[in-house]
Amino acid sequence: FILGGLAWFSIPFAMASSMGLAARALDLPLTAAEANQGLVPPAVAMHMFGRTGAVLFACQVVVAVSSSGSSEQLAVAAIVSWDIYRRYINPEANGVEIIRCARIVICFFGVF
């Protein structure tokens, strides 16, 4: 897990560093308040690629958030269905019942 976390850290670090350096190199008119709000990457994408760059950056953010959310839902569903449902509630549960429990947990966790 530690190695995976270290490998994953390089992606946001490289993204933030390259976008920040690009903003400085392009001399974009960003205030400190705008930079603190996280508007540097969309400003760089808009400057370099126009409206298409802004749309692609927005799509990248949506995909990253969706991926993180789905991973979190699946992790919670696996913990509840295997470690709680199968161990304490229904030790004789078969695969279909465990999948049904996981789907219910995903729906519940996704809504609340």
Foldseek 3Di string as FASTA:
>chain_A
DVVVVVVVVVVVVVLVVVLVVLCVVVVDPDDPVCVVVVNSCLVSLCVPPNPVSNVVVVVVVVVVVVVVLVVVLQVVLCCCLPVPCCPPPNVPDDPVVSVVSSVVSSVVVVVD
